Amino acid sequence: MEIIEEAPSTPTSPPKSPRRKAQPPSSSGRKKQFAVSTKWEAEAAANGGTTRDFHRFFCCCAERLGNMFVFCKRPDGSPIVIAGPCWPFCCFVTVPLILGACGAVSYWLIIRENSALPLWVSYIYFPVLGFVLAALFGVSCTDPGLMERVTDEEAGEGGWFWNEQVGSYRPPGALYCRECGVLIQDYDHLCPWTGTGIGRKNMLAFKIFLVGINILCYFSVTLIIIALLQGLVIGE
């Protein structure tokens, strides 16, 4: 299930300020300031730097960026391990569904002593399962493409658009995700199954996950059909 969320951005410019030379977003020796929701920043500042919601009970060790949760980052502030706003759905629905279904198939059809399937099936099935879980982690826990905040007027003159929600210029293709509360480069949609927004940096992992989960589903259904057919033949 994919929910597309695109918050409108206005081409209007911010209040005029003295012109200064635009700096590249990733200049060395400077901690990155990401384009997060100005509304969230105001609420966090009013609450002493924290956001009062249920996430703080489960992600108390994570740094908040809008509705994203950074567990590990580089010295310049770039996220290494980051979770999205729908992480509960991913943890308590997506992962249990995958493990539960595959666990049932494994127990009843593959690893039982009287299994009708050959042993080599397990050498294919379990690596495919591990591959799918690794791909899911690659989507859910990596940076989807967070954009840095750019307020230099030269960016607007270069074809970028002003985004009021984050108080920053954005390039074409970068959109504000209302659920994530951040500006994401080449934002595509919010995927609750993976728990995060899909953008430039995790799009490849997302496509790999889709291919992998389909292969795993078809593989499991094929094993069930084969087991049923063998049972019918034995019964005859």
C-alpha atoms as a PDB file:
ATOM      1  CA  MET A   1       0.000   0.000   0.000  1.00  0.00           C
ATOM      2  CA  GLU A   2       1.461   3.349  -0.995  1.00  0.00           C
ATOM      3  CA  ILE A   3       0.190   6.720   0.126  1.00  0.00           C
ATOM      4  CA  ILE A   4       1.351   9.691  -1.890  1.00  0.00           C
ATOM      5  CA  GLU A   5       1.619  12.900   0.057  1.00  0.00           C
ATOM      6  CA  GLU A   6       2.708  16.119  -1.590  1.00  0.00           C
ATOM      7  CA  ALA A   7       2.329  19.311   0.370  1.00  0.00           C
ATOM      8  CA  PRO A   8       2.054  22.380  -1.839  1.00  0.00           C
ATOM      9  CA  SER A   9       4.936  24.778  -1.962  1.00  0.00           C
ATOM     10  CA  THR A  10       4.704  28.381  -2.955  1.00  0.00           C
ATOM     11  CA  PRO A  11       7.014  30.131  -5.382  1.00  0.00           C
ATOM     12  CA  THR A  12       7.029  33.213  -3.201  1.00  0.00           C
ATOM     13  CA  SER A  13      10.320  34.408  -1.796  1.00  0.00           C
ATOM     14  CA  PRO A  14      11.198  34.832   1.878  1.00  0.00           C
ATOM     15  CA  PRO A  15      11.613  38.293   3.406  1.00  0.00           C
ATOM     16  CA  LYS A  16      14.432  40.171   1.775  1.00  0.00           C
ATOM     17  CA  SER A  17      17.784  39.923   3.491  1.00  0.00           C
ATOM     18  CA  PRO A  18      21.252  41.255   2.615  1.00  0.00           C
ATOM     19  CA  ARG A  19      22.590  39.355  -0.364  1.00  0.00           C
ATOM     20  CA  ARG A  20      25.363  36.952   0.426  1.00  0.00           C
ATOM     21  CA  LYS A  21      27.223  34.410  -1.612  1.00  0.00           C
ATOM     22  CA  ALA A  22      25.487  31.039  -1.734  1.00  0.00           C
ATOM     23  CA  GLN A  23      27.370  28.230  -0.032  1.00  0.00           C
ATOM     24  CA  PRO A  24      27.246  24.630  -1.208  1.00  0.00           C
ATOM     25  CA  PRO A  25      25.024  22.548   1.058  1.00  0.00           C
ATOM     26  CA  SER A  26      27.727  20.069   1.985  1.00  0.00           C
ATOM     27  CA  SER A  27      30.698  22.358   2.623  1.00  0.00           C
ATOM     28  CA  SER A  28      33.320  20.705   4.804  1.00  0.00           C
ATOM     29  CA  GLY A  29      33.837  21.552   8.463  1.00  0.00           C
ATOM     30  CA  ARG A  30      30.211  22.514   9.014  1.00  0.00           C
ATOM     31  CA  LYS A  31      27.430  20.525  10.620  1.00  0.00           C
ATOM     32  CA  LYS A  32      24.500  20.179   8.273  1.00  0.00           C
ATOM     33  CA  GLN A  33      21.250  21.954   9.016  1.00  0.00           C
ATOM     34  CA  PHE A  34      18.446  20.011   7.412  1.00  0.00           C
ATOM     35  CA  ALA A  35      15.254  21.520   6.061  1.00  0.00           C
ATOM     36  CA  VAL A  36      12.736  20.395   8.667  1.00  0.00           C
ATOM     37  CA  SER A  37       9.279  21.705   9.431  1.00  0.00           C
ATOM     38  CA  THR A  38       9.416  25.185  10.924  1.00  0.00           C
ATOM     39  CA  LYS A  39       6.226  24.365  12.836  1.00  0.00           C
ATOM     40  CA  TRP A  40       7.932  21.356  14.402  1.00  0.00           C
ATOM     41  CA  GLU A  41      10.983  23.459  15.262  1.00  0.00           C
ATOM     42  CA  ALA A  42       8.773  26.016  17.001  1.00  0.00           C
ATOM     43  CA  GLU A  43       6.971  23.310  18.999  1.00  0.00           C
ATOM     44  CA  ALA A  44      10.257  21.651  19.974  1.00  0.00           C
ATOM     45  CA  ALA A  45      11.724  24.996  21.081  1.00  0.00           C
ATOM     46  CA  ALA A  46       8.630  25.727  23.180  1.00  0.00           C
ATOM     47  CA  ASN A  47       8.967  22.317  24.889  1.00  0.00           C
ATOM     48  CA  GLY A  48      12.643  22.669  25.695  1.00  0.00           C
ATOM     49  CA  GLY A  49      13.973  20.901  22.612  1.00  0.00           C
ATOM     50  CA  THR A  50      11.676  17.879  22.762  1.00  0.00           C
ATOM     51  CA  THR A  51       8.403  16.898  21.115  1.00  0.00           C
ATOM     52  CA  ARG A  52       5.645  15.626  23.369  1.00  0.00           C
ATOM     53  CA  ASP A  53       4.234  12.579  21.579  1.00  0.00           C
ATOM     54  CA  PHE A  54       4.256   8.814  22.091  1.00  0.00           C
ATOM     55  CA  HIS A  55       7.475   8.449  20.072  1.00  0.00           C
ATOM     56  CA  ARG A  56       9.526   9.869  22.939  1.00  0.00           C
ATOM     57  CA  PHE A  57       8.804   6.764  25.038  1.00  0.00           C
ATOM     58  CA  PHE A  58      10.209   4.378  22.416  1.00  0.00           C
ATOM     59  CA  CYS A  59      12.819   6.510  20.608  1.00  0.00           C
ATOM     60  CA  CYS A  60      14.209   8.373  23.623  1.00  0.00           C
ATOM     61  CA  CYS A  61      17.788   7.670  22.521  1.00  0.00           C
ATOM     62  CA  ALA A  62      17.243   9.054  19.015  1.00  0.00           C
ATOM     63  CA  GLU A  63      17.690  12.598  17.765  1.00  0.00           C
ATOM     64  CA  ARG A  64      14.558  14.064  16.196  1.00  0.00           C
ATOM     65  CA  LEU A  65      14.524  15.633  12.755  1.00  0.00           C
ATOM     66  CA  GLY A  66      10.913  16.567  12.204  1.00  0.00           C
ATOM     67  CA  ASN A  67       9.167  13.196  12.518  1.00  0.00           C
ATOM     68  CA  MET A  68      12.307  11.247  11.621  1.00  0.00           C
ATOM     69  CA  PHE A  69      14.500   9.557  14.241  1.00  0.00           C
ATOM     70  CA  VAL A  70      18.287   9.551  13.875  1.00  0.00           C
ATOM     71  CA  PHE A  71      20.007   6.754  15.823  1.00  0.00           C
ATOM     72  CA  CYS A  72      23.473   7.089  14.298  1.00  0.00           C
ATOM     73  CA  LYS A  73      25.043   9.927  12.333  1.00  0.00           C
ATOM     74  CA  ARG A  74      28.307  11.137  10.880  1.00  0.00           C
ATOM     75  CA  PRO A  75      30.284  14.028  12.391  1.00  0.00           C
ATOM     76  CA  ASP A  76      28.712  16.453   9.912  1.00  0.00           C
ATOM     77  CA  GLY A  77      25.219  15.388  11.000  1.00  0.00           C
ATOM     78  CA  SER A  78      24.396  13.153   8.022  1.00  0.00           C
ATOM     79  CA  PRO A  79      22.172  10.253   9.171  1.00  0.00           C
ATOM     80  CA  ILE A  80      23.559   6.722   9.019  1.00  0.00           C
ATOM     81  CA  VAL A  81      20.676   4.929  10.737  1.00  0.00           C
ATOM     82  CA  ILE A  82      17.369   6.793  10.629  1.00  0.00           C
ATOM     83  CA  ALA A  83      13.764   5.659  11.091  1.00  0.00           C
ATOM     84  CA  GLY A  84      10.651   7.195   9.584  1.00  0.00           C
ATOM     85  CA  PRO A  85       7.366   8.266  11.157  1.00  0.00           C
ATOM     86  CA  CYS A  86       5.607   4.952  10.424  1.00  0.00           C
ATOM     87  CA  TRP A  87       8.215   2.781  12.155  1.00  0.00           C
ATOM     88  CA  PRO A  88       5.575   1.155  14.460  1.00  0.00           C
ATOM     89  CA  PHE A  89       3.681  -0.175  11.426  1.00  0.00           C
ATOM     90  CA  CYS A  90       6.882  -1.551   9.925  1.00  0.00           C
ATOM     91  CA  CYS A  91       8.037  -3.146  13.201  1.00  0.00           C
ATOM     92  CA  PHE A  92       4.717  -4.545  14.396  1.00  0.00           C
ATOM     93  CA  VAL A  93       2.938  -5.335  11.110  1.00  0.00           C
ATOM     94  CA  THR A  94       5.355  -5.721   8.174  1.00  0.00           C
ATOM     95  CA  VAL A  95       8.109  -7.667   9.941  1.00  0.00           C
ATOM     96  CA  PRO A  96       5.741 -10.011  11.864  1.00  0.00           C
ATOM     97  CA  LEU A  97       3.813 -10.737   8.657  1.00  0.00           C
ATOM     98  CA  ILE A  98       6.993 -11.700   6.817  1.00  0.00           C
ATOM     99  CA  LEU A  99       8.446 -13.757   9.673  1.00  0.00           C
ATOM    100  CA  GLY A 100       5.129 -15.335  10.594  1.00  0.00           C
ATOM    101  CA  ALA A 101       4.220 -16.464   7.097  1.00  0.00           C
ATOM    102  CA  CYS A 102       7.720 -17.666   6.273  1.00  0.00           C
ATOM    103  CA  GLY A 103       8.039 -19.333   9.669  1.00  0.00           C
ATOM    104  CA  ALA A 104       4.862 -21.324   9.059  1.00  0.00           C
ATOM    105  CA  VAL A 105       6.031 -22.384   5.594  1.00  0.00           C
ATOM    106  CA  SER A 106       9.456 -23.319   6.950  1.00  0.00           C
ATOM    107  CA  TYR A 107       8.133 -25.374   9.832  1.00  0.00           C
ATOM    108  CA  TRP A 108       5.350 -27.256   8.062  1.00  0.00           C
ATOM    109  CA  LEU A 109       6.932 -27.740   4.658  1.00  0.00           C
ATOM    110  CA  ILE A 110      10.735 -27.510   4.861  1.00  0.00           C
ATOM    111  CA  ILE A 111      12.362 -28.392   8.186  1.00  0.00           C
ATOM    112  CA  ARG A 112      10.022 -31.131   9.423  1.00  0.00           C
ATOM    113  CA  GLU A 113      11.507 -34.623   9.440  1.00  0.00           C
ATOM    114  CA  ASN A 114       8.729 -36.041   7.286  1.00  0.00           C
ATOM    115  CA  SER A 115       8.769 -33.133   4.835  1.00  0.00           C
ATOM    116  CA  ALA A 116       7.989 -34.084   1.261  1.00  0.00           C
ATOM    117  CA  LEU A 117      10.302 -31.363  -0.055  1.00  0.00           C
ATOM    118  CA  PRO A 118      14.019 -31.977  -0.710  1.00  0.00           C
ATOM    119  CA  LEU A 119      16.622 -30.477   1.603  1.00  0.00           C
ATOM    120  CA  TRP A 120      18.070 -28.169  -1.062  1.00  0.00           C
ATOM    121  CA  VAL A 121      14.879 -26.101  -0.951  1.00  0.00           C
ATOM    122  CA  SER A 122      15.954 -24.730   2.422  1.00  0.00           C
ATOM    123  CA  TYR A 123      19.279 -23.591   0.937  1.00  0.00           C
ATOM    124  CA  ILE A 124      17.320 -21.301  -1.388  1.00  0.00           C
ATOM    125  CA  TYR A 125      14.353 -20.299   0.756  1.00  0.00           C
ATOM    126  CA  PHE A 126      16.214 -19.015   3.821  1.00  0.00           C
ATOM    127  CA  PRO A 127      18.732 -16.879   1.878  1.00  0.00           C
ATOM    128  CA  VAL A 128      15.826 -15.304  -0.013  1.00  0.00           C
ATOM    129  CA  LEU A 129      14.149 -14.516   3.321  1.00  0.00           C
ATOM    130  CA  GLY A 130      17.364 -12.979   4.649  1.00  0.00           C
ATOM    131  CA  PHE A 131      17.746 -10.959   1.462  1.00  0.00           C
ATOM    132  CA  VAL A 132      14.215  -9.547   1.836  1.00  0.00           C
ATOM    133  CA  LEU A 133      14.798  -8.570   5.478  1.00  0.00           C
ATOM    134  CA  ALA A 134      18.115  -6.927   4.569  1.00  0.00           C
ATOM    135  CA  ALA A 135      16.414  -4.971   1.782  1.00  0.00           C
ATOM    136  CA  LEU A 136      13.660  -3.891   4.181  1.00  0.00           C
ATOM    137  CA  PHE A 137      16.296  -2.623   6.600  1.00  0.00           C
ATOM    138  CA  GLY A 138      17.988  -0.796   3.734  1.00  0.00           C
ATOM    139  CA  VAL A 139      14.757   1.037   2.971  1.00  0.00           C
ATOM    140  CA  SER A 140      13.513   1.670   6.489  1.00  0.00           C
ATOM    141  CA  CYS A 141      16.735   2.674   8.220  1.00  0.00           C
ATOM    142  CA  THR A 142      18.618   4.726   5.643  1.00  0.00           C
ATOM    143  CA  ASP A 143      18.438   8.390   4.716  1.00  0.00           C
ATOM    144  CA  PRO A 144      15.700   8.853   2.086  1.00  0.00           C
ATOM    145  CA  GLY A 145      17.422  12.001   0.818  1.00  0.00           C
ATOM    146  CA  LEU A 146      17.103  14.726   3.443  1.00  0.00           C
ATOM    147  CA  MET A 147      17.786  18.166   2.000  1.00  0.00           C
ATOM    148  CA  GLU A 148      19.758  20.856   3.760  1.00  0.00           C
ATOM    149  CA  ARG A 149      18.139  24.198   4.446  1.00  0.00           C
ATOM    150  CA  VAL A 150      19.085  26.773   1.815  1.00  0.00           C
ATOM    151  CA  THR A 151      18.023  30.386   2.339  1.00  0.00           C
ATOM    152  CA  ASP A 152      20.381  32.183  -0.047  1.00  0.00           C
ATOM    153  CA  GLU A 153      18.519  34.235  -2.618  1.00  0.00           C
ATOM    154  CA  GLU A 154      20.893  33.060  -5.349  1.00  0.00           C
ATOM    155  CA  ALA A 155      19.242  29.629  -5.108  1.00  0.00           C
ATOM    156  CA  GLY A 156      15.906  31.196  -6.025  1.00  0.00           C
ATOM    157  CA  GLU A 157      17.489  32.914  -8.995  1.00  0.00           C
ATOM    158  CA  GLY A 158      18.887  29.537 -10.094  1.00  0.00           C
ATOM    159  CA  GLY A 159      15.470  27.948 -10.579  1.00  0.00           C
ATOM    160  CA  TRP A 160      14.833  26.705  -7.043  1.00  0.00           C
ATOM    161  CA  PHE A 161      11.453  27.236  -5.389  1.00  0.00           C
ATOM    162  CA  TRP A 162      10.700  28.607  -1.948  1.00  0.00           C
ATOM    163  CA  ASN A 163       9.053  26.096   0.398  1.00  0.00           C
ATOM    164  CA  GLU A 164       7.197  27.767   3.238  1.00  0.00           C
ATOM    165  CA  GLN A 165       6.792  24.620   5.370  1.00  0.00           C
ATOM    166  CA  VAL A 166      10.534  24.291   5.956  1.00  0.00           C
ATOM    167  CA  GLY A 167      11.651  27.882   5.312  1.00  0.00           C
ATOM    168  CA  SER A 168      14.053  26.847   2.586  1.00  0.00           C
ATOM    169  CA  TYR A 169      14.550  26.871  -1.144  1.00  0.00           C
ATOM    170  CA  ARG A 170      14.117  23.506  -2.836  1.00  0.00           C
ATOM    171  CA  PRO A 171      15.272  22.205  -6.220  1.00  0.00           C
ATOM    172  CA  PRO A 172      12.774  20.779  -8.711  1.00  0.00           C
ATOM    173  CA  GLY A 173      11.794  17.268  -7.616  1.00  0.00           C
ATOM    174  CA  ALA A 174      12.411  17.835  -3.920  1.00  0.00           C
ATOM    175  CA  LEU A 175       9.155  17.891  -1.969  1.00  0.00           C
ATOM    176  CA  TYR A 176       8.038  18.365   1.586  1.00  0.00           C
ATOM    177  CA  CYS A 177       6.667  15.205   3.239  1.00  0.00           C
ATOM    178  CA  ARG A 178       4.017  16.200   5.755  1.00  0.00           C
ATOM    179  CA  GLU A 179       4.278  12.937   7.724  1.00  0.00           C
ATOM    180  CA  CYS A 180       8.096  12.985   7.837  1.00  0.00           C
ATOM    181  CA  GLY A 181       8.240  16.714   8.494  1.00  0.00           C
ATOM    182  CA  VAL A 182      11.294  17.144   6.270  1.00  0.00           C
ATOM    183  CA  LEU A 183      12.236  18.114   2.732  1.00  0.00           C
ATOM    184  CA  ILE A 184      13.245  15.030   0.714  1.00  0.00           C
ATOM    185  CA  GLN A 185      15.175  15.030  -2.545  1.00  0.00           C
ATOM    186  CA  ASP A 186      13.230  13.385  -5.398  1.00  0.00           C
ATOM    187  CA  TYR A 187      10.432  12.523  -2.978  1.00  0.00           C
ATOM    188  CA  ASP A 188       8.131   9.820  -4.330  1.00  0.00           C
ATOM    189  CA  HIS A 189       5.726   8.750  -1.579  1.00  0.00           C
ATOM    190  CA  LEU A 190       5.334   7.686   2.030  1.00  0.00           C
ATOM    191  CA  CYS A 191       5.297   3.900   2.406  1.00  0.00           C
ATOM    192  CA  PRO A 192       3.814   2.723   5.720  1.00  0.00           C
ATOM    193  CA  TRP A 193       4.951  -0.866   5.053  1.00  0.00           C
ATOM    194  CA  THR A 194       8.583   0.247   5.190  1.00  0.00           C
ATOM    195  CA  GLY A 195       7.838   2.965   7.746  1.00  0.00           C
ATOM    196  CA  THR A 196       9.432   5.899   5.963  1.00  0.00           C
ATOM    197  CA  GLY A 197       9.383   8.245   3.009  1.00  0.00           C
ATOM    198  CA  ILE A 198      10.835   7.098  -0.295  1.00  0.00           C
ATOM    199  CA  GLY A 199      13.270   9.440  -1.993  1.00  0.00           C
ATOM    200  CA  ARG A 200      16.457   9.483  -4.019  1.00  0.00           C
ATOM    201  CA  LYS A 201      18.732   7.723  -1.524  1.00  0.00           C
ATOM    202  CA  ASN A 202      16.512   4.773  -0.629  1.00  0.00           C
ATOM    203  CA  MET A 203      14.616   4.342  -3.900  1.00  0.00           C
ATOM    204  CA  LEU A 204      16.963   1.597  -5.149  1.00  0.00           C
ATOM    205  CA  ALA A 205      16.627  -0.333  -1.884  1.00  0.00           C
ATOM    206  CA  PHE A 206      12.846   0.093  -2.103  1.00  0.00           C
ATOM    207  CA  LYS A 207      12.732  -1.415  -5.608  1.00  0.00           C
ATOM    208  CA  ILE A 208      14.975  -4.279  -4.506  1.00  0.00           C
ATOM    209  CA  PHE A 209      12.665  -4.914  -1.556  1.00  0.00           C
ATOM    210  CA  LEU A 210       9.619  -5.010  -3.833  1.00  0.00           C
ATOM    211  CA  VAL A 211      11.273  -7.525  -6.146  1.00  0.00           C
ATOM    212  CA  GLY A 212      12.491  -9.622  -3.225  1.00  0.00           C
ATOM    213  CA  ILE A 213       9.167  -9.742  -1.381  1.00  0.00           C
ATOM    214  CA  ASN A 214       7.367 -10.770  -4.581  1.00  0.00           C
ATOM    215  CA  ILE A 215       9.864 -13.565  -5.202  1.00  0.00           C
ATOM    216  CA  LEU A 216       9.465 -14.718  -1.603  1.00  0.00           C
ATOM    217  CA  CYS A 217       5.658 -14.713  -1.862  1.00  0.00           C
ATOM    218  CA  TYR A 218       5.602 -16.642  -5.143  1.00  0.00           C
ATOM    219  CA  PHE A 219       8.208 -19.064  -3.801  1.00  0.00           C
ATOM    220  CA  SER A 220       6.127 -19.720  -0.678  1.00  0.00           C
ATOM    221  CA  VAL A 221       2.912 -20.218  -2.642  1.00  0.00           C
ATOM    222  CA  THR A 222       4.702 -22.597  -5.027  1.00  0.00           C
ATOM    223  CA  LEU A 223       5.989 -24.682  -2.107  1.00  0.00           C
ATOM    224  CA  ILE A 224       2.479 -24.872  -0.647  1.00  0.00           C
ATOM    225  CA  ILE A 225       1.004 -26.010  -3.973  1.00  0.00           C
ATOM    226  CA  ILE A 226       3.742 -28.629  -4.451  1.00  0.00           C
ATOM    227  CA  ALA A 227       3.203 -29.949  -0.918  1.00  0.00           C
ATOM    228  CA  LEU A 228      -0.548 -30.143  -1.464  1.00  0.00           C
ATOM    229  CA  LEU A 229      -0.171 -31.950  -4.785  1.00  0.00           C
ATOM    230  CA  GLN A 230       2.287 -34.426  -3.299  1.00  0.00           C
ATOM    231  CA  GLY A 231      -0.111 -35.038  -0.442  1.00  0.00           C
ATOM    232  CA  LEU A 232      -2.916 -35.776  -2.867  1.00  0.00           C
ATOM    233  CA  VAL A 233      -0.747 -38.177  -4.859  1.00  0.00           C
ATOM    234  CA  ILE A 234       0.357 -40.007  -1.695  1.00  0.00           C
ATOM    235  CA  GLY A 235      -3.250 -40.153  -0.529  1.00  0.00           C
ATOM    236  CA  GLU A 236      -4.274 -41.830  -3.748  1.00  0.00           C
END
